[in-house]
């Protein structure tokens, strides 16, 4: 009995395995936090690239005085390269001209798309605040990207990222489509 009691006293005072036990409890949590942080940072980077694509496409297209089929194809294809190194197979871009009527209500004048469906002409658009000036044309760029997480794809699935911008034409009052 004394031997057992002495063994239990030695065992209770032994702290050699505490660090290993703490390590075994903390490491899985730290790995999950690291992986979630990686995915959030990666998604934020993809969204920044999507935003850059949206703004650059609007900047380039707003400099035209008219656009034909070749112009829109070149601009849409070139702007998709901004997404590199991320795959552009998941990217859709819609380039449209929206014109407001006398009451400031927007209507799609023309629309072209990259890997997606263009907006139908005469589609009514809800104009954001500050873009309801009567009888004005705006370039509208809408981008969508289906982000597929690298690590948690089986648990999360694809995340749809969206962006859009309205921009005034720079060199003319409108940019008619001649394609």
C-alpha atoms as a PDB file:
ATOM      1  CA  UNK A   1       0.000   0.000   0.000  1.00  0.00           C
ATOM      2  CA  UNK A   2       2.865   2.342   0.827  1.00  0.00           C
ATOM      3  CA  UNK A   3       4.410   1.704  -2.547  1.00  0.00           C
ATOM      4  CA  UNK A   4       1.206   2.630  -4.294  1.00  0.00           C
ATOM      5  CA  UNK A   5       0.819   5.755  -2.213  1.00  0.00           C
ATOM      6  CA  UNK A   6       4.438   6.757  -2.904  1.00  0.00           C
ATOM      7  CA  UNK A   7       3.907   6.107  -6.630  1.00  0.00           C
ATOM      8  CA  UNK A   8       0.781   8.288  -6.685  1.00  0.00           C
ATOM      9  CA  UNK A   9       2.597  11.093  -4.843  1.00  0.00           C
ATOM     10  CA  UNK A  10       5.449  10.982  -7.364  1.00  0.00           C
ATOM     11  CA  UNK A  11       2.992  10.861 -10.254  1.00  0.00           C
ATOM     12  CA  UNK A  12       1.053  13.868  -8.920  1.00  0.00           C
ATOM     13  CA  UNK A  13       4.218  15.938  -8.627  1.00  0.00           C
ATOM     14  CA  UNK A  14       5.584  14.948 -12.057  1.00  0.00           C
ATOM     15  CA  UNK A  15       5.182  17.796 -14.604  1.00  0.00           C
ATOM     16  CA  UNK A  16       7.207  16.327 -17.472  1.00  0.00           C
ATOM     17  CA  UNK A  17       4.213  15.701 -19.787  1.00  0.00           C
ATOM     18  CA  UNK A  18       2.413  19.017 -19.234  1.00  0.00           C
ATOM     19  CA  UNK A  19       4.088  20.787 -22.140  1.00  0.00           C
ATOM     20  CA  UNK A  20       3.342  17.921 -24.513  1.00  0.00           C
ATOM     21  CA  UNK A  21      -0.286  17.866 -23.407  1.00  0.00           C
ATOM     22  CA  UNK A  22      -0.658  21.644 -23.846  1.00  0.00           C
ATOM     23  CA  UNK A  23       0.990  21.407 -27.266  1.00  0.00           C
ATOM     24  CA  UNK A  24      -1.405  18.634 -28.318  1.00  0.00           C
ATOM     25  CA  UNK A  25      -4.399  20.738 -27.258  1.00  0.00           C
ATOM     26  CA  UNK A  26      -3.283  24.044 -28.800  1.00  0.00           C
ATOM     27  CA  UNK A  27      -1.796  22.934 -32.148  1.00  0.00           C
ATOM     28  CA  UNK A  28      -5.082  21.887 -33.835  1.00  0.00           C
ATOM     29  CA  UNK A  29      -6.672  25.216 -32.889  1.00  0.00           C
ATOM     30  CA  UNK A  30      -3.660  27.146 -34.183  1.00  0.00           C
ATOM     31  CA  UNK A  31      -3.679  25.223 -37.471  1.00  0.00           C
ATOM     32  CA  UNK A  32      -7.366  26.002 -38.016  1.00  0.00           C
ATOM     33  CA  UNK A  33      -6.806  29.700 -37.210  1.00  0.00           C
ATOM     34  CA  UNK A  34      -3.867  29.807 -39.658  1.00  0.00           C
ATOM     35  CA  UNK A  35      -5.841  28.136 -42.455  1.00  0.00           C
ATOM     36  CA  UNK A  36      -8.874  30.392 -41.965  1.00  0.00           C
ATOM     37  CA  UNK A  37      -6.581  33.423 -42.000  1.00  0.00           C
ATOM     38  CA  UNK A  38      -4.985  32.211 -45.216  1.00  0.00           C
ATOM     39  CA  UNK A  39      -8.383  31.767 -46.907  1.00  0.00           C
ATOM     40  CA  UNK A  40      -9.614  35.187 -45.769  1.00  0.00           C
ATOM     41  CA  UNK A  41      -6.440  36.842 -47.058  1.00  0.00           C
ATOM     42  CA  UNK A  42      -6.685  34.976 -50.368  1.00  0.00           C
ATOM     43  CA  UNK A  43     -10.359  35.935 -50.822  1.00  0.00           C
ATOM     44  CA  UNK A  44      -9.521  39.574 -50.019  1.00  0.00           C
ATOM     45  CA  UNK A  45      -6.762  39.523 -52.646  1.00  0.00           C
ATOM     46  CA  UNK A  46      -9.110  38.095 -55.269  1.00  0.00           C
ATOM     47  CA  UNK A  47     -11.715  40.744 -54.415  1.00  0.00           C
ATOM     48  CA  UNK A  48      -9.072  43.482 -54.757  1.00  0.00           C
ATOM     49  CA  UNK A  49      -8.157  42.108 -58.196  1.00  0.00           C
ATOM     50  CA  UNK A  50     -11.858  42.041 -59.115  1.00  0.00           C
ATOM     51  CA  UNK A  51     -12.215  45.657 -57.996  1.00  0.00           C
ATOM     52  CA  UNK A  52      -9.136  46.654 -60.019  1.00  0.00           C
ATOM     53  CA  UNK A  53     -10.591  44.910 -63.078  1.00  0.00           C
ATOM     54  CA  UNK A  54     -13.888  46.764 -62.661  1.00  0.00           C
ATOM     55  CA  UNK A  55     -12.303  50.196 -62.291  1.00  0.00           C
ATOM     56  CA  UNK A  56      -9.768  49.743 -65.099  1.00  0.00           C
ATOM     57  CA  UNK A  57     -12.426  48.527 -67.527  1.00  0.00           C
ATOM     58  CA  UNK A  58     -14.567  51.552 -66.704  1.00  0.00           C
ATOM     59  CA  UNK A  59     -11.580  53.889 -67.104  1.00  0.00           C
ATOM     60  CA  UNK A  60     -10.632  52.472 -70.497  1.00  0.00           C
ATOM     61  CA  UNK A  61     -14.138  52.254 -71.933  1.00  0.00           C
ATOM     62  CA  UNK A  62     -15.031  55.785 -70.766  1.00  0.00           C
ATOM     63  CA  UNK A  63     -12.296  57.174 -73.033  1.00  0.00           C
ATOM     64  CA  UNK A  64     -13.954  55.962 -76.248  1.00  0.00           C
ATOM     65  CA  UNK A  65     -16.303  58.152 -78.288  1.00  0.00           C
ATOM     66  CA  UNK A  66     -18.002  55.079 -79.787  1.00  0.00           C
ATOM     67  CA  UNK A  67     -17.427  51.346 -79.426  1.00  0.00           C
ATOM     68  CA  UNK A  68     -17.732  48.585 -81.977  1.00  0.00           C
ATOM     69  CA  UNK A  69     -17.745  44.829 -81.534  1.00  0.00           C
ATOM     70  CA  UNK A  70     -13.944  44.645 -81.927  1.00  0.00           C
ATOM     71  CA  UNK A  71     -13.420  47.432 -79.388  1.00  0.00           C
ATOM     72  CA  UNK A  72     -15.573  45.811 -76.723  1.00  0.00           C
ATOM     73  CA  UNK A  73     -14.007  42.393 -77.318  1.00  0.00           C
ATOM     74  CA  UNK A  74     -10.490  43.808 -76.992  1.00  0.00           C
ATOM     75  CA  UNK A  75     -11.322  45.826 -73.883  1.00  0.00           C
ATOM     76  CA  UNK A  76     -13.134  42.945 -72.178  1.00  0.00           C
ATOM     77  CA  UNK A  77     -10.372  40.441 -73.004  1.00  0.00           C
ATOM     78  CA  UNK A  78      -7.617  42.817 -71.900  1.00  0.00           C
ATOM     79  CA  UNK A  79      -9.324  43.722 -68.664  1.00  0.00           C
ATOM     80  CA  UNK A  80      -9.700  40.073 -67.738  1.00  0.00           C
ATOM     81  CA  UNK A  81      -5.895  39.840 -67.697  1.00  0.00           C
ATOM     82  CA  UNK A  82      -5.831  42.050 -64.608  1.00  0.00           C
ATOM     83  CA  UNK A  83      -7.148  39.047 -62.671  1.00  0.00           C
ATOM     84  CA  UNK A  84      -3.897  37.141 -63.272  1.00  0.00           C
ATOM     85  CA  UNK A  85      -2.679  34.917 -61.635  1.00  0.00           C
ATOM     86  CA  UNK A  86      -6.227  33.892 -60.738  1.00  0.00           C
ATOM     87  CA  UNK A  87      -8.147  31.864 -63.331  1.00  0.00           C
ATOM     88  CA  UNK A  88     -10.413  33.955 -65.552  1.00  0.00           C
ATOM     89  CA  UNK A  89     -12.729  31.019 -66.249  1.00  0.00           C
ATOM     90  CA  UNK A  90     -14.637  32.084 -63.116  1.00  0.00           C
ATOM     91  CA  UNK A  91     -14.836  35.756 -64.174  1.00  0.00           C
ATOM     92  CA  UNK A  92     -17.811  37.419 -65.838  1.00  0.00           C
ATOM     93  CA  UNK A  93     -17.869  41.036 -66.969  1.00  0.00           C
ATOM     94  CA  UNK A  94     -20.801  43.054 -68.264  1.00  0.00           C
ATOM     95  CA  UNK A  95     -20.034  46.383 -69.952  1.00  0.00           C
ATOM     96  CA  UNK A  96     -23.083  48.560 -70.561  1.00  0.00           C
ATOM     97  CA  UNK A  97     -24.085  52.101 -71.347  1.00  0.00           C
ATOM     98  CA  UNK A  98     -26.940  53.374 -69.192  1.00  0.00           C
ATOM     99  CA  UNK A  99     -28.763  56.567 -70.139  1.00  0.00           C
ATOM    100  CA  UNK A 100     -31.032  58.475 -67.804  1.00  0.00           C
ATOM    101  CA  UNK A 101     -34.295  60.022 -68.935  1.00  0.00           C
ATOM    102  CA  UNK A 102     -35.658  63.470 -68.030  1.00  0.00           C
ATOM    103  CA  UNK A 103     -36.601  62.163 -64.560  1.00  0.00           C
ATOM    104  CA  UNK A 104     -33.178  60.628 -63.888  1.00  0.00           C
ATOM    105  CA  UNK A 105     -34.350  57.018 -64.336  1.00  0.00           C
ATOM    106  CA  UNK A 106     -31.751  54.761 -65.981  1.00  0.00           C
ATOM    107  CA  UNK A 107     -32.270  52.558 -69.026  1.00  0.00           C
ATOM    108  CA  UNK A 108     -29.677  50.261 -70.631  1.00  0.00           C
ATOM    109  CA  UNK A 109     -28.739  51.606 -74.066  1.00  0.00           C
ATOM    110  CA  UNK A 110     -26.418  48.744 -75.032  1.00  0.00           C
ATOM    111  CA  UNK A 111     -24.556  45.966 -73.274  1.00  0.00           C
ATOM    112  CA  UNK A 112     -21.779  43.467 -74.030  1.00  0.00           C
ATOM    113  CA  UNK A 113     -20.499  40.620 -71.859  1.00  0.00           C
ATOM    114  CA  UNK A 114     -17.375  38.576 -71.247  1.00  0.00           C
ATOM    115  CA  UNK A 115     -18.217  34.960 -70.339  1.00  0.00           C
ATOM    116  CA  UNK A 116     -21.748  35.778 -69.297  1.00  0.00           C
ATOM    117  CA  UNK A 117     -25.021  37.300 -70.370  1.00  0.00           C
ATOM    118  CA  UNK A 118     -25.269  40.936 -71.409  1.00  0.00           C
ATOM    119  CA  UNK A 119     -28.096  43.098 -70.113  1.00  0.00           C
ATOM    120  CA  UNK A 120     -31.085  43.505 -72.405  1.00  0.00           C
ATOM    121  CA  UNK A 121     -31.375  46.962 -73.997  1.00  0.00           C
ATOM    122  CA  UNK A 122     -34.233  48.990 -72.525  1.00  0.00           C
ATOM    123  CA  UNK A 123     -33.767  47.280 -69.139  1.00  0.00           C
ATOM    124  CA  UNK A 124     -34.573  49.751 -66.375  1.00  0.00           C
ATOM    125  CA  UNK A 125     -31.733  50.380 -63.942  1.00  0.00           C
ATOM    126  CA  UNK A 126     -31.886  51.723 -60.420  1.00  0.00           C
ATOM    127  CA  UNK A 127     -29.376  54.534 -60.422  1.00  0.00           C
ATOM    128  CA  UNK A 128     -27.320  55.124 -57.292  1.00  0.00           C
ATOM    129  CA  UNK A 129     -27.413  58.432 -55.490  1.00  0.00           C
ATOM    130  CA  UNK A 130     -25.467  61.068 -57.415  1.00  0.00           C
ATOM    131  CA  UNK A 131     -26.027  59.339 -60.766  1.00  0.00           C
ATOM    132  CA  UNK A 132     -29.588  60.469 -61.397  1.00  0.00           C
ATOM    133  CA  UNK A 133     -28.781  63.500 -63.540  1.00  0.00           C
ATOM    134  CA  UNK A 134     -31.375  63.908 -66.289  1.00  0.00           C
ATOM    135  CA  UNK A 135     -30.446  62.953 -69.879  1.00  0.00           C
ATOM    136  CA  UNK A 136     -26.957  61.688 -69.036  1.00  0.00           C
ATOM    137  CA  UNK A 137     -25.107  58.584 -70.204  1.00  0.00           C
ATOM    138  CA  UNK A 138     -22.954  56.462 -67.913  1.00  0.00           C
ATOM    139  CA  UNK A 139     -20.720  53.485 -68.507  1.00  0.00           C
ATOM    140  CA  UNK A 140     -21.698  50.646 -66.167  1.00  0.00           C
ATOM    141  CA  UNK A 141     -19.259  47.837 -65.467  1.00  0.00           C
ATOM    142  CA  UNK A 142     -20.428  44.844 -63.462  1.00  0.00           C
ATOM    143  CA  UNK A 143     -17.996  42.077 -62.544  1.00  0.00           C
ATOM    144  CA  UNK A 144     -18.583  38.741 -60.840  1.00  0.00           C
ATOM    145  CA  UNK A 145     -16.042  36.167 -59.725  1.00  0.00           C
ATOM    146  CA  UNK A 146     -16.759  32.725 -58.300  1.00  0.00           C
ATOM    147  CA  UNK A 147     -14.024  32.313 -55.682  1.00  0.00           C
ATOM    148  CA  UNK A 148     -13.236  28.694 -54.884  1.00  0.00           C
ATOM    149  CA  UNK A 149     -11.460  28.382 -51.515  1.00  0.00           C
ATOM    150  CA  UNK A 150      -8.179  26.534 -51.715  1.00  0.00           C
ATOM    151  CA  UNK A 151      -8.364  24.640 -48.445  1.00  0.00           C
ATOM    152  CA  UNK A 152     -11.972  24.582 -47.274  1.00  0.00           C
ATOM    153  CA  UNK A 153     -13.634  23.951 -50.649  1.00  0.00           C
ATOM    154  CA  UNK A 154     -15.363  20.784 -49.431  1.00  0.00           C
ATOM    155  CA  UNK A 155     -16.906  22.625 -46.480  1.00  0.00           C
ATOM    156  CA  UNK A 156     -17.543  26.107 -47.830  1.00  0.00           C
ATOM    157  CA  UNK A 157     -18.129  25.824 -51.567  1.00  0.00           C
ATOM    158  CA  UNK A 158     -17.675  28.699 -54.032  1.00  0.00           C
ATOM    159  CA  UNK A 159     -18.124  32.283 -52.843  1.00  0.00           C
ATOM    160  CA  UNK A 160     -19.539  34.793 -55.337  1.00  0.00           C
ATOM    161  CA  UNK A 161     -17.723  38.144 -55.315  1.00  0.00           C
ATOM    162  CA  UNK A 162     -19.375  41.089 -57.102  1.00  0.00           C
ATOM    163  CA  UNK A 163     -18.430  44.641 -57.968  1.00  0.00           C
ATOM    164  CA  UNK A 164     -19.830  47.405 -60.154  1.00  0.00           C
ATOM    165  CA  UNK A 165     -19.080  50.999 -61.052  1.00  0.00           C
ATOM    166  CA  UNK A 166     -20.807  53.785 -62.972  1.00  0.00           C
ATOM    167  CA  UNK A 167     -18.566  56.248 -64.824  1.00  0.00           C
ATOM    168  CA  UNK A 168     -19.205  59.248 -67.026  1.00  0.00           C
ATOM    169  CA  UNK A 169     -17.814  59.148 -70.580  1.00  0.00           C
ATOM    170  CA  UNK A 170     -14.762  61.400 -70.819  1.00  0.00           C
ATOM    171  CA  UNK A 171     -14.525  62.405 -74.472  1.00  0.00           C
ATOM    172  CA  UNK A 172     -18.200  62.617 -75.444  1.00  0.00           C
ATOM    173  CA  UNK A 173     -21.677  62.852 -73.931  1.00  0.00           C
ATOM    174  CA  UNK A 174     -22.365  59.196 -74.731  1.00  0.00           C
ATOM    175  CA  UNK A 175     -20.574  56.198 -76.202  1.00  0.00           C
ATOM    176  CA  UNK A 176     -22.793  54.619 -78.853  1.00  0.00           C
ATOM    177  CA  UNK A 177     -22.307  50.973 -79.771  1.00  0.00           C
ATOM    178  CA  UNK A 178     -21.720  50.484 -83.498  1.00  0.00           C
ATOM    179  CA  UNK A 179     -21.237  46.715 -83.522  1.00  0.00           C
END
